[in-house]
């Protein structure tokens, strides 16, 4: 059952090939526990890419491209898709029911396109100004963001009685998953501060701020969370953590 949960988590939230397994309530029960480990894979790849960039003295643009693309290559863009759909819904200024309908619409709107372009422009600008020493610290944030997301899935109210988040939340052993997420959040937070000092502390503060805003926005605008809104949080969290790391650098100097 644990192994099947691992396979489901990586099959759903990454493009890493996994053996086939049956998606039923029993197998999905603890799958959310392994969601942050997808972030660990991303963080490890970011860390290795950073080493390769330094070893082979790659150009700054090539290094930057890797940092931006690696998370998308590993996840398949599932969270970015949620970010885009949520931005479309938020920009519509429609009633709550209509916003939930927009989330389900597979077509990309103008505001979604604009938001995604602005997102990567800002992300690229921030990552290009990060020091080499800050990147391994920021890599830890990919675990923290997913642990926070997993915690929200088994803690926050769902906006709909259907959908992927509802399925995971309903099938999960909520108490166990919640405990695992709290442990991973605490471990990530400690690791960030111990290895990153001021930079790590700023990353942690940034992540917690986005988490608070995520809950407030989800309840106010949608009446709860969905898979798309959880994806919005993850992408927003990664952006703010990178920006927080840059602020931490400025504080030090």
Protein backbone atom coordinates (compact mmCIF):
# COMPACT_ATOMS: atom_id res chain seq x y z
CA UNK A 1 0.00 0.00 0.00
CA UNK A 2 2.85 2.41 0.85
CA UNK A 3 4.71 1.55 -2.36
CA UNK A 4 1.52 2.03 -4.38
CA UNK A 5 1.02 5.42 -2.73
CA UNK A 6 4.55 6.40 -3.73
CA UNK A 7 3.92 5.39 -7.34
CA UNK A 8 0.63 7.29 -7.50
CA UNK A 9 2.20 10.47 -6.09
CA UNK A 10 5.04 10.41 -8.63
CA UNK A 11 2.73 9.39 -11.49
CA UNK A 12 0.40 12.28 -10.75
CA UNK A 13 2.83 15.05 -9.87
CA UNK A 14 5.82 14.22 -12.05
CA UNK A 15 6.77 12.85 -15.45
CA UNK A 16 9.17 10.36 -13.88
CA UNK A 17 8.22 6.88 -15.22
CA UNK A 18 6.60 4.69 -12.59
CA UNK A 19 5.29 1.10 -12.65
CA UNK A 20 1.56 0.90 -13.22
CA UNK A 21 -0.74 0.73 -10.21
CA UNK A 22 -4.47 0.82 -9.61
CA UNK A 23 -5.79 4.22 -8.54
CA UNK A 24 -8.24 3.26 -5.82
CA UNK A 25 -9.02 4.53 -2.33
CA UNK A 26 -6.75 2.00 -0.66
CA UNK A 27 -3.71 2.82 -2.79
CA UNK A 28 -4.30 6.59 -2.66
CA UNK A 29 -4.62 6.63 1.12
CA UNK A 30 -1.04 7.71 1.82
CA UNK A 31 -0.01 8.95 -1.62
CA UNK A 32 0.00 12.60 -0.54
CA UNK A 33 2.77 11.77 1.96
CA UNK A 34 5.15 11.35 -0.98
CA UNK A 35 4.24 14.54 -2.82
CA UNK A 36 7.10 16.56 -1.23
CA UNK A 37 9.60 13.97 -2.44
CA UNK A 38 8.89 15.10 -6.00
CA UNK A 39 10.16 18.47 -4.77
CA UNK A 40 13.25 16.72 -3.39
CA UNK A 41 13.97 15.37 -6.89
CA UNK A 42 13.55 18.84 -8.38
CA UNK A 43 15.79 20.36 -5.72
CA UNK A 44 18.45 17.70 -6.33
CA UNK A 45 18.36 18.35 -10.09
CA UNK A 46 18.64 22.12 -9.51
CA UNK A 47 21.61 21.47 -7.21
CA UNK A 48 23.32 19.21 -9.78
CA UNK A 49 22.66 21.70 -12.58
CA UNK A 50 24.26 24.39 -10.45
CA UNK A 51 27.37 22.21 -10.07
CA UNK A 52 27.51 21.51 -13.81
CA UNK A 53 27.15 25.20 -14.64
CA UNK A 54 30.11 26.05 -12.42
CA UNK A 55 32.24 23.09 -13.50
CA UNK A 56 31.83 23.66 -17.24
CA UNK A 57 31.55 27.45 -16.89
CA UNK A 58 28.28 27.60 -18.84
CA UNK A 59 26.99 30.99 -19.95
CA UNK A 60 24.58 32.79 -17.66
CA UNK A 61 21.64 32.43 -20.05
CA UNK A 62 22.12 28.68 -20.40
CA UNK A 63 22.31 28.28 -16.61
CA UNK A 64 19.20 30.43 -16.15
CA UNK A 65 17.29 28.39 -18.74
CA UNK A 66 18.04 25.22 -16.80
CA UNK A 67 16.84 26.65 -13.50
CA UNK A 68 13.54 27.75 -15.05
CA UNK A 69 12.90 24.65 -17.15
CA UNK A 70 13.96 21.82 -14.79
CA UNK A 71 10.86 22.08 -12.54
CA UNK A 72 8.57 22.06 -15.58
CA UNK A 73 10.34 19.12 -17.22
CA UNK A 74 10.05 17.04 -14.04
CA UNK A 75 6.44 17.95 -13.21
CA UNK A 76 5.15 18.18 -16.77
CA UNK A 77 3.79 21.65 -15.99
CA UNK A 78 0.82 20.37 -13.97
CA UNK A 79 1.16 23.15 -11.37
CA UNK A 80 1.80 25.81 -14.00
CA UNK A 81 -1.45 24.76 -15.67
CA UNK A 82 -3.23 25.36 -12.36
CA UNK A 83 -1.56 28.75 -11.97
CA UNK A 84 -2.70 29.79 -15.45
CA UNK A 85 -6.30 28.63 -14.95
CA UNK A 86 -6.52 30.33 -11.56
CA UNK A 87 -5.15 33.60 -12.92
CA UNK A 88 -7.80 33.46 -15.63
CA UNK A 89 -10.52 32.97 -13.05
CA UNK A 90 -9.22 35.70 -10.72
CA UNK A 91 -8.92 38.17 -13.57
CA UNK A 92 -12.52 37.57 -14.66
CA UNK A 93 -14.02 39.32 -11.58
CA UNK A 94 -17.01 37.02 -11.95
CA UNK A 95 -19.16 35.50 -9.16
CA UNK A 96 -17.73 32.50 -7.32
CA UNK A 97 -19.65 29.87 -9.33
CA UNK A 98 -18.50 31.36 -12.62
CA UNK A 99 -14.88 31.43 -11.42
CA UNK A 100 -15.08 27.72 -10.65
CA UNK A 101 -16.41 27.12 -14.16
CA UNK A 102 -13.48 29.07 -15.63
CA UNK A 103 -11.08 26.83 -13.71
CA UNK A 104 -12.47 23.83 -15.60
CA UNK A 105 -12.22 25.54 -19.00
CA UNK A 106 -9.36 23.99 -20.99
CA UNK A 107 -8.91 27.11 -23.12
CA UNK A 108 -6.29 29.68 -22.14
CA UNK A 109 -7.49 33.26 -21.83
CA UNK A 110 -5.68 36.51 -22.45
CA UNK A 111 -5.13 37.21 -18.76
CA UNK A 112 -3.70 33.73 -18.26
CA UNK A 113 -1.22 34.28 -21.09
CA UNK A 114 -0.21 37.68 -19.77
CA UNK A 115 0.17 36.34 -16.22
CA UNK A 116 2.38 33.45 -17.32
CA UNK A 117 4.61 35.77 -19.35
CA UNK A 118 4.98 38.20 -16.45
CA UNK A 119 5.63 35.27 -14.11
CA UNK A 120 8.59 33.97 -16.10
CA UNK A 121 9.99 37.44 -16.75
CA UNK A 122 10.07 38.11 -13.01
CA UNK A 123 11.30 34.60 -12.19
CA UNK A 124 14.06 34.86 -14.78
CA UNK A 125 15.13 38.26 -13.50
CA UNK A 126 15.26 37.06 -9.90
CA UNK A 127 17.14 33.82 -10.63
CA UNK A 128 19.66 35.70 -12.79
CA UNK A 129 20.59 37.87 -9.78
CA UNK A 130 20.86 35.02 -7.29
CA UNK A 131 24.35 34.15 -6.10
CA UNK A 132 25.66 30.64 -6.64
CA UNK A 133 25.64 30.10 -2.89
CA UNK A 134 21.91 30.86 -2.65
CA UNK A 135 20.80 28.32 -5.24
CA UNK A 136 21.43 25.13 -3.18
CA UNK A 137 19.55 26.76 -0.30
CA UNK A 138 16.63 27.66 -2.55
CA UNK A 139 16.55 24.05 -3.80
CA UNK A 140 15.25 23.03 -0.35
CA UNK A 141 12.24 25.24 -0.97
CA UNK A 142 10.83 22.79 -3.53
CA UNK A 143 10.24 20.35 -0.68
CA UNK A 144 8.79 23.01 1.61
CA UNK A 145 6.31 24.30 -0.98
CA UNK A 146 4.97 20.80 -1.62
CA UNK A 147 4.77 19.96 2.06
CA UNK A 148 2.70 23.12 2.58
CA UNK A 149 0.55 22.22 -0.41
CA UNK A 150 0.00 18.68 0.87
CA UNK A 151 -0.92 20.05 4.28
CA UNK A 152 -3.52 22.31 2.68
CA UNK A 153 -5.09 19.41 0.77
CA UNK A 154 -5.85 17.51 4.00
CA UNK A 155 -6.67 20.61 6.07
CA UNK A 156 -8.45 23.23 3.93
CA UNK A 157 -12.02 22.90 2.68
CA UNK A 158 -12.48 21.85 -0.93
CA UNK A 159 -14.33 24.24 -3.23
CA UNK A 160 -16.04 21.35 -5.04
CA UNK A 161 -17.29 17.87 -4.21
CA UNK A 162 -15.37 16.52 -7.17
CA UNK A 163 -11.97 16.94 -8.77
CA UNK A 164 -8.48 15.71 -8.05
CA UNK A 165 -7.88 17.54 -4.76
CA UNK A 166 -11.20 16.29 -3.41
CA UNK A 167 -10.29 12.75 -4.46
CA UNK A 168 -6.89 12.90 -2.75
CA UNK A 169 -8.31 14.62 0.31
CA UNK A 170 -11.20 12.19 0.61
CA UNK A 171 -9.02 9.12 0.14
CA UNK A 172 -6.19 10.29 2.38
CA UNK A 173 -5.73 9.20 5.95
CA UNK A 174 -5.89 12.83 6.90
CA UNK A 175 -4.35 12.60 10.34
CA UNK A 176 -1.35 10.60 9.14
CA UNK A 177 -0.78 12.78 6.07
CA UNK A 178 -1.12 15.93 8.16
CA UNK A 179 1.50 14.69 10.64
CA UNK A 180 3.90 13.75 7.82
CA UNK A 181 3.46 17.16 6.18
CA UNK A 182 4.08 18.97 9.48
CA UNK A 183 7.25 16.94 10.04
CA UNK A 184 8.50 17.73 6.53
CA UNK A 185 7.64 21.42 6.93
CA UNK A 186 9.57 21.60 10.20
CA UNK A 187 12.54 19.67 8.77
CA UNK A 188 12.64 21.89 5.67
CA UNK A 189 12.41 25.02 7.81
CA UNK A 190 15.26 23.89 10.07
CA UNK A 191 17.41 22.91 7.09
CA UNK A 192 16.76 26.26 5.40
CA UNK A 193 17.83 28.25 8.46
CA UNK A 194 20.81 26.05 9.36
CA UNK A 195 22.26 25.96 5.83
CA UNK A 196 21.12 29.36 4.61
CA UNK A 197 21.17 31.66 7.60
CA UNK A 198 19.53 34.96 6.69
CA UNK A 199 18.79 33.83 3.14
CA UNK A 200 17.19 30.61 4.35
CA UNK A 201 15.15 32.47 6.95
CA UNK A 202 13.88 34.90 4.30
CA UNK A 203 12.89 31.97 2.06
CA UNK A 204 10.97 30.43 4.94
CA UNK A 205 9.17 33.69 5.73
CA UNK A 206 8.27 34.15 2.07
CA UNK A 207 6.81 30.66 1.83
CA UNK A 208 4.71 31.10 4.97
CA UNK A 209 3.43 34.47 3.75
CA UNK A 210 2.27 32.98 0.44
CA UNK A 211 0.65 30.09 2.31
CA UNK A 212 -1.39 32.51 4.39
CA UNK A 213 -2.42 34.53 1.31
CA UNK A 214 -3.24 31.29 -0.53
CA UNK A 215 -5.75 30.24 2.13
CA UNK A 216 -7.28 33.71 2.30
CA UNK A 217 -7.61 33.99 -1.48
CA UNK A 218 -8.97 30.46 -1.95
CA UNK A 219 -11.71 30.86 0.66
CA UNK A 220 -12.68 34.39 -0.37
CA UNK A 221 -12.64 33.92 -4.14
CA UNK A 222 -13.58 30.24 -4.56
CA UNK A 223 -14.96 28.99 -1.25
CA UNK A 224 -12.10 26.52 -0.82
CA UNK A 225 -9.28 24.92 -2.77
CA UNK A 226 -9.12 22.91 -5.97
CA UNK A 227 -6.25 21.27 -7.82
CA UNK A 228 -5.79 24.37 -9.95
CA UNK A 229 -5.70 26.67 -6.93
CA UNK A 230 -3.17 24.38 -5.25
CA UNK A 231 -1.07 24.66 -8.41
CA UNK A 232 -1.39 28.44 -8.25
CA UNK A 233 -0.03 28.33 -4.70
CA UNK A 234 2.93 26.15 -5.66
CA UNK A 235 4.02 28.39 -8.54
CA UNK A 236 3.47 31.54 -6.49
CA UNK A 237 5.40 30.05 -3.58
CA UNK A 238 8.38 29.20 -5.80
CA UNK A 239 8.44 32.73 -7.16
CA UNK A 240 8.21 34.41 -3.76
CA UNK A 241 10.82 32.08 -2.27
CA UNK A 242 13.25 33.03 -5.04
CA UNK A 243 12.48 36.72 -4.48
CA UNK A 244 12.92 36.23 -0.73
CA UNK A 245 16.34 34.65 -1.31
CA UNK A 246 17.33 37.74 -3.29
CA UNK A 247 16.10 39.98 -0.46
CA UNK A 248 18.15 37.89 1.96
CA UNK A 249 21.25 38.50 -0.15
CA UNK A 250 20.62 42.24 -0.07
CA UNK A 251 20.22 42.18 3.71
CA UNK A 252 23.57 40.43 4.15
CA UNK A 253 25.34 42.96 1.95
